[in-house]
Amino acid sequence: MTSAPLLLRDLRERVCTRHGETVSTESTDAPKFAAVIYNPIKVDIDAIKEAAGREAGEAGWAETRYYETSVEDPGGEVTTEALSDGAAMIIAAGGDGTVRAVAEAMSGSGVPIALLPSGTGNLLARNLNLTLDDLDHSLHSAFAGKNRPIDLAKIDIERSGGKIDHHAYLVMAGLGLDAKMLANTDEELKAKVGWLAYVGAIGKALTDKNYLRMRYQLGTQKPRAVRAHTIIMGNCGSLMANVVLLPDAAVDDGELDIIVLRPEGFIGWVQIFVKVIWENGVLRRTKLGEKLVSPDVKALNYFRGEKLTVRLSRAEPIELDGDEFGEATALKTWVEPGGLLVRVPEEA
């Protein structure tokens, strides 16, 4: 007599023969789950759990799992752990640094990332026109939205001594003004007043007379030598306060947009201000205004390409997506077209 456990097993593992092959009819489709990678300093995790639980239930997903970042691990290691656990979607809850670290660890996984903007800049979310301050809408977009492929920027940073670190970024990488600005920013003040804390740091960076001396090569073009105040490589173009630094940049065009600042005194900075604040931020918003945009000025030059190589005359501070990344003596950066899937609202 066949025991009950064996009967149950037979029911679960019915086998049929088709075209000479033995095929199990047992369903191995377990409910998929999402993983929230969160910065405990910047988010209300209880509110996230409540909203995520509701949205996951309505979408037919399993219970969401939670992974906390730390000073030692800004998100990369716990993201790798979540992917190893089988997460079908990663939800990054934190600032630009958290999102960058999570995306770097997700490279090549084919798993989509959803954003819960929680920091000062939230620059990727801004460039994707995602909701910045609506938790319920952001989580609904995560569970009920759709995937949008965007480019993922990669960078090899060479250090003094020849060591090379490999990283990814989503918005911008820079040498010069922005890297020095970050180094001069008071973190306690930033926590209290947000982006206004950068104002004093910008003033210090602008008075720095140590220019970058470098050789750069865009794609397969001839290498060029240049003396510049700042060089920024961008996957996106917009900053906070509606500042459009790279007007032609798009997150899915397969190219990097590069800006080189070479101001000579006060007039040079005026030219840059007019270009970035007035022309990019105001004139380019209308067809009539675009006709009034002036050609490139000496103080500011734009380039575009799939790959950029830079070698510096000395080690210089470098930043990725608003975080300090030490000093670089050289770098190579490129984009992986469609290298990251981002969850966006269905109606987007």
C-alpha atoms as a PDB file:
ATOM      1  CA  MET A   1       0.000   0.000   0.000  1.00  0.00           C
ATOM      2  CA  THR A   2       1.374   3.341  -1.014  1.00  0.00           C
ATOM      3  CA  SER A   3       1.929   5.714   1.898  1.00  0.00           C
ATOM      4  CA  ALA A   4       0.314   9.172   2.026  1.00  0.00           C
ATOM      5  CA  PRO A   5       3.647  11.029   1.751  1.00  0.00           C
ATOM      6  CA  LEU A   6       4.435   9.146  -1.442  1.00  0.00           C
ATOM      7  CA  LEU A   7       1.013   9.921  -2.876  1.00  0.00           C
ATOM      8  CA  LEU A   8       1.521  13.590  -2.130  1.00  0.00           C
ATOM      9  CA  ARG A   9       4.919  13.427  -3.720  1.00  0.00           C
ATOM     10  CA  ASP A  10       3.411  11.782  -6.817  1.00  0.00           C
ATOM     11  CA  LEU A  11       0.868  14.565  -7.055  1.00  0.00           C
ATOM     12  CA  ARG A  12       3.552  17.233  -6.793  1.00  0.00           C
ATOM     13  CA  GLU A  13       5.933  15.541  -9.215  1.00  0.00           C
ATOM     14  CA  ARG A  14       3.717  14.120 -11.927  1.00  0.00           C
ATOM     15  CA  VAL A  15       5.799  13.028 -14.826  1.00  0.00           C
ATOM     16  CA  CYS A  16       4.721  12.830 -18.429  1.00  0.00           C
ATOM     17  CA  THR A  17       6.592  11.537 -21.435  1.00  0.00           C
ATOM     18  CA  ARG A  18       6.736  13.746 -24.508  1.00  0.00           C
ATOM     19  CA  HIS A  19       8.846  13.164 -27.604  1.00  0.00           C
ATOM     20  CA  GLY A  20      10.821  10.541 -25.737  1.00  0.00           C
ATOM     21  CA  GLU A  21      11.765  12.948 -22.919  1.00  0.00           C
ATOM     22  CA  THR A  22      10.719  12.766 -19.299  1.00  0.00           C
ATOM     23  CA  VAL A  23       9.305  16.126 -18.217  1.00  0.00           C
ATOM     24  CA  SER A  24       8.428  17.043 -14.652  1.00  0.00           C
ATOM     25  CA  THR A  25       5.174  18.957 -14.303  1.00  0.00           C
ATOM     26  CA  GLU A  26       6.060  20.186 -10.834  1.00  0.00           C
ATOM     27  CA  SER A  27       5.928  23.997 -10.694  1.00  0.00           C
ATOM     28  CA  THR A  28       9.202  25.542  -9.594  1.00  0.00           C
ATOM     29  CA  ASP A  29       7.899  29.105  -9.947  1.00  0.00           C
ATOM     30  CA  ALA A  30       8.137  30.515  -6.439  1.00  0.00           C
ATOM     31  CA  PRO A  31       6.775  34.059  -5.902  1.00  0.00           C
ATOM     32  CA  LYS A  32       9.483  36.575  -6.723  1.00  0.00           C
ATOM     33  CA  PHE A  33      10.689  39.028  -4.116  1.00  0.00           C
ATOM     34  CA  ALA A  34      12.236  42.480  -4.077  1.00  0.00           C
ATOM     35  CA  ALA A  35      15.186  43.572  -1.955  1.00  0.00           C
ATOM     36  CA  VAL A  36      15.436  47.040  -0.450  1.00  0.00           C
ATOM     37  CA  ILE A  37      18.998  48.291  -0.015  1.00  0.00           C
ATOM     38  CA  TYR A  38      18.665  51.205   2.396  1.00  0.00           C
ATOM     39  CA  ASN A  39      20.791  53.802   4.095  1.00  0.00           C
ATOM     40  CA  PRO A  40      19.494  53.825   7.701  1.00  0.00           C
ATOM     41  CA  ILE A  41      20.571  57.437   8.198  1.00  0.00           C
ATOM     42  CA  LYS A  42      18.549  58.820   5.292  1.00  0.00           C
ATOM     43  CA  VAL A  43      15.311  56.814   5.234  1.00  0.00           C
ATOM     44  CA  ASP A  44      12.312  56.006   7.414  1.00  0.00           C
ATOM     45  CA  ILE A  45      12.548  52.240   7.142  1.00  0.00           C
ATOM     46  CA  ASP A  46       9.253  51.613   8.969  1.00  0.00           C
ATOM     47  CA  ALA A  47       7.365  53.741   6.446  1.00  0.00           C
ATOM     48  CA  ILE A  48       9.113  51.932   3.595  1.00  0.00           C
ATOM     49  CA  LYS A  49       8.216  48.520   5.015  1.00  0.00           C
ATOM     50  CA  GLU A  50       4.570  49.472   5.355  1.00  0.00           C
ATOM     51  CA  ALA A  51       4.281  50.842   1.801  1.00  0.00           C
ATOM     52  CA  ALA A  52       6.403  48.096   0.232  1.00  0.00           C
ATOM     53  CA  GLY A  53       4.380  45.397   1.962  1.00  0.00           C
ATOM     54  CA  ARG A  54       1.181  46.829   0.549  1.00  0.00           C
ATOM     55  CA  GLU A  55       2.511  47.249  -2.994  1.00  0.00           C
ATOM     56  CA  ALA A  56       4.204  43.838  -3.053  1.00  0.00           C
ATOM     57  CA  GLY A  57       0.996  42.156  -1.910  1.00  0.00           C
ATOM     58  CA  GLU A  58      -1.098  43.873  -4.569  1.00  0.00           C
ATOM     59  CA  ALA A  59       1.422  42.919  -7.255  1.00  0.00           C
ATOM     60  CA  GLY A  60       1.532  39.273  -6.134  1.00  0.00           C
ATOM     61  CA  TRP A  61       5.147  39.403  -4.985  1.00  0.00           C
ATOM     62  CA  ALA A  62       6.566  37.569  -1.981  1.00  0.00           C
ATOM     63  CA  GLU A  63       7.556  39.443   1.172  1.00  0.00           C
ATOM     64  CA  THR A  64      10.181  42.091   0.547  1.00  0.00           C
ATOM     65  CA  ARG A  65      13.599  41.600   2.116  1.00  0.00           C
ATOM     66  CA  TYR A  66      15.735  44.378   3.601  1.00  0.00           C
ATOM     67  CA  TYR A  67      19.499  44.911   3.541  1.00  0.00           C
ATOM     68  CA  GLU A  68      21.131  47.762   5.461  1.00  0.00           C
ATOM     69  CA  THR A  69      24.143  49.714   4.231  1.00  0.00           C
ATOM     70  CA  SER A  70      26.946  50.883   6.490  1.00  0.00           C
ATOM     71  CA  VAL A  71      29.964  53.164   6.486  1.00  0.00           C
ATOM     72  CA  GLU A  72      32.114  50.184   5.523  1.00  0.00           C
ATOM     73  CA  ASP A  73      29.677  49.016   2.850  1.00  0.00           C
ATOM     74  CA  PRO A  74      27.750  51.829   1.111  1.00  0.00           C
ATOM     75  CA  GLY A  75      25.668  49.266  -0.755  1.00  0.00           C
ATOM     76  CA  GLY A  76      27.757  47.078  -3.013  1.00  0.00           C
ATOM     77  CA  GLU A  77      28.252  44.058  -0.765  1.00  0.00           C
ATOM     78  CA  VAL A  78      24.658  43.840   0.451  1.00  0.00           C
ATOM     79  CA  THR A  79      23.422  44.212  -3.133  1.00  0.00           C
ATOM     80  CA  THR A  80      25.591  41.275  -4.169  1.00  0.00           C
ATOM     81  CA  GLU A  81      24.136  39.333  -1.247  1.00  0.00           C
ATOM     82  CA  ALA A  82      20.577  40.204  -2.260  1.00  0.00           C
ATOM     83  CA  LEU A  83      21.205  39.128  -5.846  1.00  0.00           C
ATOM     84  CA  SER A  84      22.734  35.884  -4.604  1.00  0.00           C
ATOM     85  CA  ASP A  85      19.598  35.332  -2.511  1.00  0.00           C
ATOM     86  CA  GLY A  86      17.548  35.560  -5.708  1.00  0.00           C
ATOM     87  CA  ALA A  87      16.069  39.058  -5.604  1.00  0.00           C
ATOM     88  CA  ALA A  88      14.075  39.847  -8.765  1.00  0.00           C
ATOM     89  CA  MET A  89      14.282  43.597  -8.195  1.00  0.00           C
ATOM     90  CA  ILE A  90      16.587  45.818  -6.163  1.00  0.00           C
ATOM     91  CA  ILE A  91      15.127  48.964  -4.581  1.00  0.00           C
ATOM     92  CA  ALA A  92      17.787  51.540  -3.692  1.00  0.00           C
ATOM     93  CA  ALA A  93      16.686  53.745  -0.810  1.00  0.00           C
ATOM     94  CA  GLY A  94      19.249  56.446  -0.161  1.00  0.00           C
ATOM     95  CA  GLY A  95      21.195  59.219  -1.809  1.00  0.00           C
ATOM     96  CA  ASP A  96      23.287  59.314  -4.963  1.00  0.00           C
ATOM     97  CA  GLY A  97      26.124  57.423  -3.276  1.00  0.00           C
ATOM     98  CA  THR A  98      23.852  54.525  -2.327  1.00  0.00           C
ATOM     99  CA  VAL A  99      22.336  54.370  -5.811  1.00  0.00           C
ATOM    100  CA  ARG A 100      25.782  54.386  -7.426  1.00  0.00           C
ATOM    101  CA  ALA A 101      27.119  51.605  -5.205  1.00  0.00           C
ATOM    102  CA  VAL A 102      24.019  49.472  -5.773  1.00  0.00           C
ATOM    103  CA  ALA A 103      24.095  49.968  -9.546  1.00  0.00           C
ATOM    104  CA  GLU A 104      27.791  49.103  -9.686  1.00  0.00           C
ATOM    105  CA  ALA A 105      27.119  45.781  -7.982  1.00  0.00           C
ATOM    106  CA  MET A 106      24.163  45.109 -10.306  1.00  0.00           C
ATOM    107  CA  SER A 107      26.172  45.515 -13.500  1.00  0.00           C
ATOM    108  CA  GLY A 108      25.527  42.593 -15.815  1.00  0.00           C
ATOM    109  CA  SER A 109      22.878  41.017 -13.571  1.00  0.00           C
ATOM    110  CA  GLY A 110      19.880  41.826 -15.774  1.00  0.00           C
ATOM    111  CA  VAL A 111      17.902  42.605 -12.602  1.00  0.00           C
ATOM    112  CA  PRO A 112      16.112  45.991 -12.570  1.00  0.00           C
ATOM    113  CA  ILE A 113      16.738  48.728 -10.020  1.00  0.00           C
ATOM    114  CA  ALA A 114      14.020  50.949  -8.551  1.00  0.00           C
ATOM    115  CA  LEU A 115      14.769  54.268  -6.859  1.00  0.00           C
ATOM    116  CA  LEU A 116      13.502  55.642  -3.559  1.00  0.00           C
ATOM    117  CA  PRO A 117      15.161  59.090  -3.659  1.00  0.00           C
ATOM    118  CA  SER A 118      16.271  60.007  -0.159  1.00  0.00           C
ATOM    119  CA  GLY A 119      19.385  62.168  -0.409  1.00  0.00           C
ATOM    120  CA  THR A 120      20.431  65.742  -1.130  1.00  0.00           C
ATOM    121  CA  GLY A 121      20.891  65.543  -4.893  1.00  0.00           C
ATOM    122  CA  ASN A 122      18.909  62.535  -6.161  1.00  0.00           C
ATOM    123  CA  LEU A 123      20.440  63.346  -9.530  1.00  0.00           C
ATOM    124  CA  LEU A 124      19.604  60.156 -11.412  1.00  0.00           C
ATOM    125  CA  ALA A 125      15.976  60.404 -10.309  1.00  0.00           C
ATOM    126  CA  ARG A 126      15.891  64.053 -11.413  1.00  0.00           C
ATOM    127  CA  ASN A 127      17.328  63.219 -14.824  1.00  0.00           C
ATOM    128  CA  LEU A 128      14.749  60.451 -15.251  1.00  0.00           C
ATOM    129  CA  ASN A 129      11.942  62.801 -14.135  1.00  0.00           C
ATOM    130  CA  LEU A 130      10.993  60.460 -11.297  1.00  0.00           C
ATOM    131  CA  THR A 131       9.032  61.505  -8.235  1.00  0.00           C
ATOM    132  CA  LEU A 132      11.350  62.762  -5.504  1.00  0.00           C
ATOM    133  CA  ASP A 133       9.163  63.099  -2.430  1.00  0.00           C
ATOM    134  CA  ASP A 134       6.313  60.597  -2.778  1.00  0.00           C
ATOM    135  CA  LEU A 135       7.148  57.248  -1.189  1.00  0.00           C
ATOM    136  CA  ASP A 136       3.881  55.588  -2.198  1.00  0.00           C
ATOM    137  CA  HIS A 137       4.228  56.626  -5.844  1.00  0.00           C
ATOM    138  CA  SER A 138       7.867  55.524  -5.992  1.00  0.00           C
ATOM    139  CA  LEU A 139       7.063  52.070  -4.617  1.00  0.00           C
ATOM    140  CA  HIS A 140       4.017  51.703  -6.843  1.00  0.00           C
ATOM    141  CA  SER A 141       6.269  52.485  -9.820  1.00  0.00           C
ATOM    142  CA  ALA A 142       8.696  49.833  -8.583  1.00  0.00           C
ATOM    143  CA  PHE A 143       6.163  47.013  -8.333  1.00  0.00           C
ATOM    144  CA  ALA A 144       3.684  48.037 -11.045  1.00  0.00           C
ATOM    145  CA  GLY A 145       5.878  50.013 -13.445  1.00  0.00           C
ATOM    146  CA  LYS A 146       8.048  48.988 -16.368  1.00  0.00           C
ATOM    147  CA  ASN A 147      11.755  48.599 -17.110  1.00  0.00           C
ATOM    148  CA  ARG A 148      13.672  51.349 -18.895  1.00  0.00           C
ATOM    149  CA  PRO A 149      17.189  50.531 -20.150  1.00  0.00           C
ATOM    150  CA  ILE A 150      19.732  53.283 -19.495  1.00  0.00           C
ATOM    151  CA  ASP A 151      23.468  53.541 -20.039  1.00  0.00           C
ATOM    152  CA  LEU A 152      25.867  52.624 -17.256  1.00  0.00           C
ATOM    153  CA  ALA A 153      29.133  54.551 -17.189  1.00  0.00           C
ATOM    154  CA  LYS A 154      32.276  52.618 -16.247  1.00  0.00           C
ATOM    155  CA  ILE A 155      35.617  54.017 -15.134  1.00  0.00           C
ATOM    156  CA  ASP A 156      39.108  52.671 -14.432  1.00  0.00           C
ATOM    157  CA  ILE A 157      40.910  54.966 -11.984  1.00  0.00           C
ATOM    158  CA  GLU A 158      44.697  54.713 -11.874  1.00  0.00           C
ATOM    159  CA  ARG A 159      46.268  55.640  -8.539  1.00  0.00           C
ATOM    160  CA  SER A 160      49.794  56.713  -7.621  1.00  0.00           C
ATOM    161  CA  GLY A 161      51.893  53.573  -7.805  1.00  0.00           C
ATOM    162  CA  GLY A 162      49.932  52.125 -10.717  1.00  0.00           C
ATOM    163  CA  LYS A 163      47.017  50.461  -8.905  1.00  0.00           C
ATOM    164  CA  ILE A 164      43.778  50.564 -10.921  1.00  0.00           C
ATOM    165  CA  ASP A 165      40.316  50.611  -9.338  1.00  0.00           C
ATOM    166  CA  HIS A 166      37.254  49.757 -11.404  1.00  0.00           C
ATOM    167  CA  HIS A 167      33.940  51.499 -10.687  1.00  0.00           C
ATOM    168  CA  ALA A 168      30.647  52.550 -12.245  1.00  0.00           C
ATOM    169  CA  TYR A 169      28.733  55.812 -12.117  1.00  0.00           C
ATOM    170  CA  LEU A 170      25.332  56.959 -13.281  1.00  0.00           C
ATOM    171  CA  VAL A 171      25.443  60.741 -13.429  1.00  0.00           C
ATOM    172  CA  MET A 172      28.875  62.396 -13.582  1.00  0.00           C
ATOM    173  CA  ALA A 173      32.537  61.915 -12.778  1.00  0.00           C
ATOM    174  CA  GLY A 174      34.838  64.874 -12.413  1.00  0.00           C
ATOM    175  CA  LEU A 175      38.301  66.253 -11.753  1.00  0.00           C
ATOM    176  CA  GLY A 176      38.891  69.806 -10.593  1.00  0.00           C
ATOM    177  CA  LEU A 177      36.163  72.129  -9.349  1.00  0.00           C
ATOM    178  CA  ASP A 178      33.531  69.598  -8.320  1.00  0.00           C
ATOM    179  CA  ALA A 179      35.994  67.187  -6.683  1.00  0.00           C
ATOM    180  CA  LYS A 180      37.614  70.019  -4.718  1.00  0.00           C
ATOM    181  CA  MET A 181      34.188  71.375  -3.799  1.00  0.00           C
ATOM    182  CA  LEU A 182      33.248  68.041  -2.256  1.00  0.00           C
ATOM    183  CA  ALA A 183      36.523  67.945  -0.350  1.00  0.00           C
ATOM    184  CA  ASN A 184      35.704  71.389   1.092  1.00  0.00           C
ATOM    185  CA  THR A 185      32.087  70.620   2.044  1.00  0.00           C
ATOM    186  CA  ASP A 186      31.182  70.475   5.729  1.00  0.00           C
ATOM    187  CA  GLU A 187      29.254  67.198   6.115  1.00  0.00           C
ATOM    188  CA  GLU A 188      27.491  68.300   9.301  1.00  0.00           C
ATOM    189  CA  LEU A 189      26.305  71.481   7.595  1.00  0.00           C
ATOM    190  CA  LYS A 190      25.216  69.452   4.576  1.00  0.00           C
ATOM    191  CA  ALA A 191      23.071  67.271   6.816  1.00  0.00           C
ATOM    192  CA  LYS A 192      21.350  70.384   8.191  1.00  0.00           C
ATOM    193  CA  VAL A 193      20.859  72.599   5.135  1.00  0.00           C
ATOM    194  CA  GLY A 194      21.312  70.227   2.175  1.00  0.00           C
ATOM    195  CA  TRP A 195      22.758  71.578  -1.068  1.00  0.00           C
ATOM    196  CA  LEU A 196      23.225  75.086   0.410  1.00  0.00           C
ATOM    197  CA  ALA A 197      26.244  73.665   2.226  1.00  0.00           C
ATOM    198  CA  TYR A 198      28.010  73.557  -1.138  1.00  0.00           C
ATOM    199  CA  VAL A 199      27.951  77.345  -1.530  1.00  0.00           C
ATOM    200  CA  GLY A 200      30.958  78.042   0.691  1.00  0.00           C
ATOM    201  CA  ALA A 201      32.792  75.044  -0.732  1.00  0.00           C
ATOM    202  CA  ILE A 202      32.283  76.341  -4.270  1.00  0.00           C
ATOM    203  CA  GLY A 203      33.854  79.661  -3.261  1.00  0.00           C
ATOM    204  CA  LYS A 204      36.964  77.885  -1.993  1.00  0.00           C
ATOM    205  CA  ALA A 205      37.213  75.749  -5.117  1.00  0.00           C
ATOM    206  CA  LEU A 206      36.869  78.749  -7.443  1.00  0.00           C
ATOM    207  CA  THR A 207      39.857  80.479  -5.826  1.00  0.00           C
ATOM    208  CA  ASP A 208      42.071  77.413  -6.225  1.00  0.00           C
ATOM    209  CA  LYS A 209      44.831  78.347  -8.683  1.00  0.00           C
ATOM    210  CA  ASN A 210      46.104  74.808  -9.193  1.00  0.00           C
ATOM    211  CA  TYR A 211      44.971  73.978 -12.714  1.00  0.00           C
ATOM    212  CA  LEU A 212      44.772  70.481 -14.145  1.00  0.00           C
ATOM    213  CA  ARG A 213      47.492  69.678 -16.635  1.00  0.00           C
ATOM    214  CA  MET A 214      46.573  66.639 -18.640  1.00  0.00           C
ATOM    215  CA  ARG A 215      46.572  64.766 -21.911  1.00  0.00           C
ATOM    216  CA  TYR A 216      43.254  63.364 -23.063  1.00  0.00           C
ATOM    217  CA  GLN A 217      42.103  61.180 -25.927  1.00  0.00           C
ATOM    218  CA  LEU A 218      38.483  60.973 -27.047  1.00  0.00           C
ATOM    219  CA  GLY A 219      37.848  57.608 -28.687  1.00  0.00           C
ATOM    220  CA  THR A 220      40.406  57.044 -31.419  1.00  0.00           C
ATOM    221  CA  GLN A 221      41.078  60.731 -31.995  1.00  0.00           C
ATOM    222  CA  LYS A 222      44.542  62.217 -31.676  1.00  0.00           C
ATOM    223  CA  PRO A 223      45.611  62.819 -28.032  1.00  0.00           C
ATOM    224  CA  ARG A 224      45.584  66.455 -26.931  1.00  0.00           C
ATOM    225  CA  ALA A 225      47.307  68.341 -24.132  1.00  0.00           C
ATOM    226  CA  VAL A 226      45.289  70.879 -22.182  1.00  0.00           C
ATOM    227  CA  ARG A 227      45.503  73.073 -19.104  1.00  0.00           C
ATOM    228  CA  ALA A 228      42.077  73.290 -17.511  1.00  0.00           C
ATOM    229  CA  HIS A 229      40.319  74.162 -14.286  1.00  0.00           C
ATOM    230  CA  THR A 230      37.863  71.262 -14.456  1.00  0.00           C
ATOM    231  CA  ILE A 231      36.863  68.292 -16.595  1.00  0.00           C
ATOM    232  CA  ILE A 232      33.527  66.523 -16.091  1.00  0.00           C
ATOM    233  CA  MET A 233      32.307  63.371 -17.823  1.00  0.00           C
ATOM    234  CA  GLY A 234      28.554  62.904 -17.784  1.00  0.00           C
ATOM    235  CA  ASN A 235      25.997  60.189 -18.401  1.00  0.00           C
ATOM    236  CA  CYS A 236      23.271  62.713 -17.472  1.00  0.00           C
ATOM    237  CA  GLY A 237      23.166  66.486 -17.854  1.00  0.00           C
ATOM    238  CA  SER A 238      21.105  68.090 -15.075  1.00  0.00           C
ATOM    239  CA  LEU A 239      22.172  69.084 -11.570  1.00  0.00           C
ATOM    240  CA  MET A 240      20.242  70.487  -8.622  1.00  0.00           C
ATOM    241  CA  ALA A 241      18.355  73.793  -8.834  1.00  0.00           C
ATOM    242  CA  ASN A 242      17.567  73.080 -12.530  1.00  0.00           C
ATOM    243  CA  VAL A 243      21.178  73.679 -13.554  1.00  0.00           C
ATOM    244  CA  VAL A 244      21.796  71.996 -16.924  1.00  0.00           C
ATOM    245  CA  LEU A 245      25.535  71.416 -17.143  1.00  0.00           C
ATOM    246  CA  LEU A 246      25.489  69.100 -20.176  1.00  0.00           C
ATOM    247  CA  PRO A 247      22.545  70.123 -22.377  1.00  0.00           C
ATOM    248  CA  ASP A 248      22.926  67.331 -24.950  1.00  0.00           C
ATOM    249  CA  ALA A 249      23.445  64.497 -22.471  1.00  0.00           C
ATOM    250  CA  ALA A 250      20.921  61.666 -22.349  1.00  0.00           C
ATOM    251  CA  VAL A 251      20.922  58.547 -20.202  1.00  0.00           C
ATOM    252  CA  ASP A 252      20.278  56.253 -23.155  1.00  0.00           C
ATOM    253  CA  ASP A 253      22.285  57.670 -26.079  1.00  0.00           C
ATOM    254  CA  GLY A 254      25.301  55.372 -25.729  1.00  0.00           C
ATOM    255  CA  GLU A 255      27.734  58.268 -25.367  1.00  0.00           C
ATOM    256  CA  LEU A 256      29.521  60.295 -22.719  1.00  0.00           C
ATOM    257  CA  ASP A 257      29.176  64.066 -22.699  1.00  0.00           C
ATOM    258  CA  ILE A 258      32.300  65.911 -21.563  1.00  0.00           C
ATOM    259  CA  ILE A 259      32.788  69.500 -20.488  1.00  0.00           C
ATOM    260  CA  VAL A 260      36.164  71.186 -20.020  1.00  0.00           C
ATOM    261  CA  LEU A 261      36.293  74.477 -18.104  1.00  0.00           C
ATOM    262  CA  ARG A 262      39.223  76.764 -18.915  1.00  0.00           C
ATOM    263  CA  PRO A 263      38.378  80.183 -17.474  1.00  0.00           C
ATOM    264  CA  GLU A 264      40.979  82.917 -17.546  1.00  0.00           C
ATOM    265  CA  GLY A 265      40.044  85.304 -14.760  1.00  0.00           C
ATOM    266  CA  PHE A 266      36.707  86.914 -14.010  1.00  0.00           C
ATOM    267  CA  ILE A 267      35.594  87.202 -17.656  1.00  0.00           C
ATOM    268  CA  GLY A 268      36.042  83.472 -18.146  1.00  0.00           C
ATOM    269  CA  TRP A 269      33.785  82.664 -15.214  1.00  0.00           C
ATOM    270  CA  VAL A 270      31.177  85.104 -16.548  1.00  0.00           C
ATOM    271  CA  GLN A 271      31.229  83.265 -19.879  1.00  0.00           C
ATOM    272  CA  ILE A 272      30.721  79.955 -18.085  1.00  0.00           C
ATOM    273  CA  PHE A 273      27.895  81.373 -15.962  1.00  0.00           C
ATOM    274  CA  VAL A 274      26.085  82.744 -19.033  1.00  0.00           C
ATOM    275  CA  LYS A 275      26.486  79.447 -20.878  1.00  0.00           C
ATOM    276  CA  VAL A 276      25.391  77.128 -18.074  1.00  0.00           C
ATOM    277  CA  ILE A 277      22.807  79.187 -16.190  1.00  0.00           C
ATOM    278  CA  TRP A 278      21.298  81.385 -18.900  1.00  0.00           C
ATOM    279  CA  GLU A 279      21.705  79.540 -22.181  1.00  0.00           C
ATOM    280  CA  ASN A 280      21.457  75.930 -20.967  1.00  0.00           C
ATOM    281  CA  GLY A 281      18.955  76.610 -18.196  1.00  0.00           C
ATOM    282  CA  VAL A 282      16.700  79.148 -19.940  1.00  0.00           C
ATOM    283  CA  LEU A 283      17.218  79.603 -23.673  1.00  0.00           C
ATOM    284  CA  ARG A 284      17.449  75.932 -24.592  1.00  0.00           C
ATOM    285  CA  ARG A 285      14.012  75.261 -23.098  1.00  0.00           C
ATOM    286  CA  THR A 286      12.279  76.782 -26.137  1.00  0.00           C
ATOM    287  CA  LYS A 287      12.815  76.456 -29.894  1.00  0.00           C
ATOM    288  CA  LEU A 288      13.146  80.214 -30.240  1.00  0.00           C
ATOM    289  CA  GLY A 289      15.662  80.349 -27.408  1.00  0.00           C
ATOM    290  CA  GLU A 290      17.780  77.594 -28.973  1.00  0.00           C
ATOM    291  CA  LYS A 291      18.354  79.841 -31.982  1.00  0.00           C
ATOM    292  CA  LEU A 292      19.895  82.432 -29.661  1.00  0.00           C
ATOM    293  CA  VAL A 293      22.448  80.056 -28.114  1.00  0.00           C
ATOM    294  CA  SER A 294      25.982  81.250 -28.854  1.00  0.00           C
ATOM    295  CA  PRO A 295      28.849  79.044 -30.133  1.00  0.00           C
ATOM    296  CA  ASP A 296      31.312  77.527 -27.650  1.00  0.00           C
ATOM    297  CA  VAL A 297      33.482  80.051 -25.856  1.00  0.00           C
ATOM    298  CA  LYS A 298      37.150  79.615 -24.988  1.00  0.00           C
ATOM    299  CA  ALA A 299      36.359  79.189 -21.293  1.00  0.00           C
ATOM    300  CA  LEU A 300      34.065  76.234 -21.885  1.00  0.00           C
ATOM    301  CA  ASN A 301      34.228  73.385 -24.394  1.00  0.00           C
ATOM    302  CA  TYR A 302      31.934  70.413 -24.986  1.00  0.00           C
ATOM    303  CA  PHE A 303      32.863  67.010 -26.421  1.00  0.00           C
ATOM    304  CA  ARG A 304      31.007  63.738 -26.979  1.00  0.00           C
ATOM    305  CA  GLY A 305      32.232  60.194 -27.409  1.00  0.00           C
ATOM    306  CA  GLU A 306      31.978  56.573 -26.324  1.00  0.00           C
ATOM    307  CA  LYS A 307      35.321  56.500 -24.489  1.00  0.00           C
ATOM    308  CA  LEU A 308      37.689  58.994 -22.887  1.00  0.00           C
ATOM    309  CA  THR A 309      41.232  58.484 -21.613  1.00  0.00           C
ATOM    310  CA  VAL A 310      42.928  61.089 -19.402  1.00  0.00           C
ATOM    311  CA  ARG A 311      46.468  61.190 -17.984  1.00  0.00           C
ATOM    312  CA  LEU A 312      47.324  63.888 -15.443  1.00  0.00           C
ATOM    313  CA  SER A 313      50.652  65.507 -14.654  1.00  0.00           C
ATOM    314  CA  ARG A 314      50.068  64.817 -10.942  1.00  0.00           C
ATOM    315  CA  ALA A 315      47.554  63.067  -8.723  1.00  0.00           C
ATOM    316  CA  GLU A 316      44.255  64.976  -8.515  1.00  0.00           C
ATOM    317  CA  PRO A 317      41.044  64.496  -6.477  1.00  0.00           C
ATOM    318  CA  ILE A 318      38.260  62.709  -8.358  1.00  0.00           C
ATOM    319  CA  GLU A 319      34.549  62.371  -7.637  1.00  0.00           C
ATOM    320  CA  LEU A 320      31.884  59.937  -8.823  1.00  0.00           C
ATOM    321  CA  ASP A 321      28.206  60.869  -8.522  1.00  0.00           C
ATOM    322  CA  GLY A 322      28.924  63.393  -5.794  1.00  0.00           C
ATOM    323  CA  ASP A 323      31.224  61.246  -3.652  1.00  0.00           C
ATOM    324  CA  GLU A 324      34.971  61.680  -3.154  1.00  0.00           C
ATOM    325  CA  PHE A 325      36.993  58.814  -4.629  1.00  0.00           C
ATOM    326  CA  GLY A 326      40.523  59.702  -3.614  1.00  0.00           C
ATOM    327  CA  GLU A 327      43.101  60.861  -6.136  1.00  0.00           C
ATOM    328  CA  ALA A 328      43.731  59.787  -9.701  1.00  0.00           C
ATOM    329  CA  THR A 329      46.821  59.999 -11.876  1.00  0.00           C
ATOM    330  CA  ALA A 330      44.951  58.710 -14.939  1.00  0.00           C
ATOM    331  CA  LEU A 331      41.547  57.350 -15.906  1.00  0.00           C
ATOM    332  CA  LYS A 332      39.676  55.604 -18.676  1.00  0.00           C
ATOM    333  CA  THR A 333      35.902  55.930 -18.838  1.00  0.00           C
ATOM    334  CA  TRP A 334      33.254  54.610 -21.217  1.00  0.00           C
ATOM    335  CA  VAL A 335      29.567  53.706 -21.334  1.00  0.00           C
ATOM    336  CA  GLU A 336      27.826  50.366 -21.547  1.00  0.00           C
ATOM    337  CA  PRO A 337      24.693  51.135 -23.610  1.00  0.00           C
ATOM    338  CA  GLY A 338      21.577  49.817 -21.880  1.00  0.00           C
ATOM    339  CA  GLY A 339      23.739  48.454 -19.077  1.00  0.00           C
ATOM    340  CA  LEU A 340      21.150  49.037 -16.361  1.00  0.00           C
ATOM    341  CA  LEU A 341      17.383  48.502 -16.162  1.00  0.00           C
ATOM    342  CA  VAL A 342      15.516  51.132 -14.131  1.00  0.00           C
ATOM    343  CA  ARG A 343      11.907  50.821 -12.996  1.00  0.00           C
ATOM    344  CA  VAL A 344       9.817  53.789 -14.113  1.00  0.00           C
ATOM    345  CA  PRO A 345       6.060  54.514 -13.958  1.00  0.00           C
ATOM    346  CA  GLU A 346       3.971  52.589 -16.477  1.00  0.00           C
ATOM    347  CA  GLU A 347       2.698  55.855 -17.933  1.00  0.00           C
ATOM    348  CA  ALA A 348       6.218  57.244 -18.453  1.00  0.00           C
END
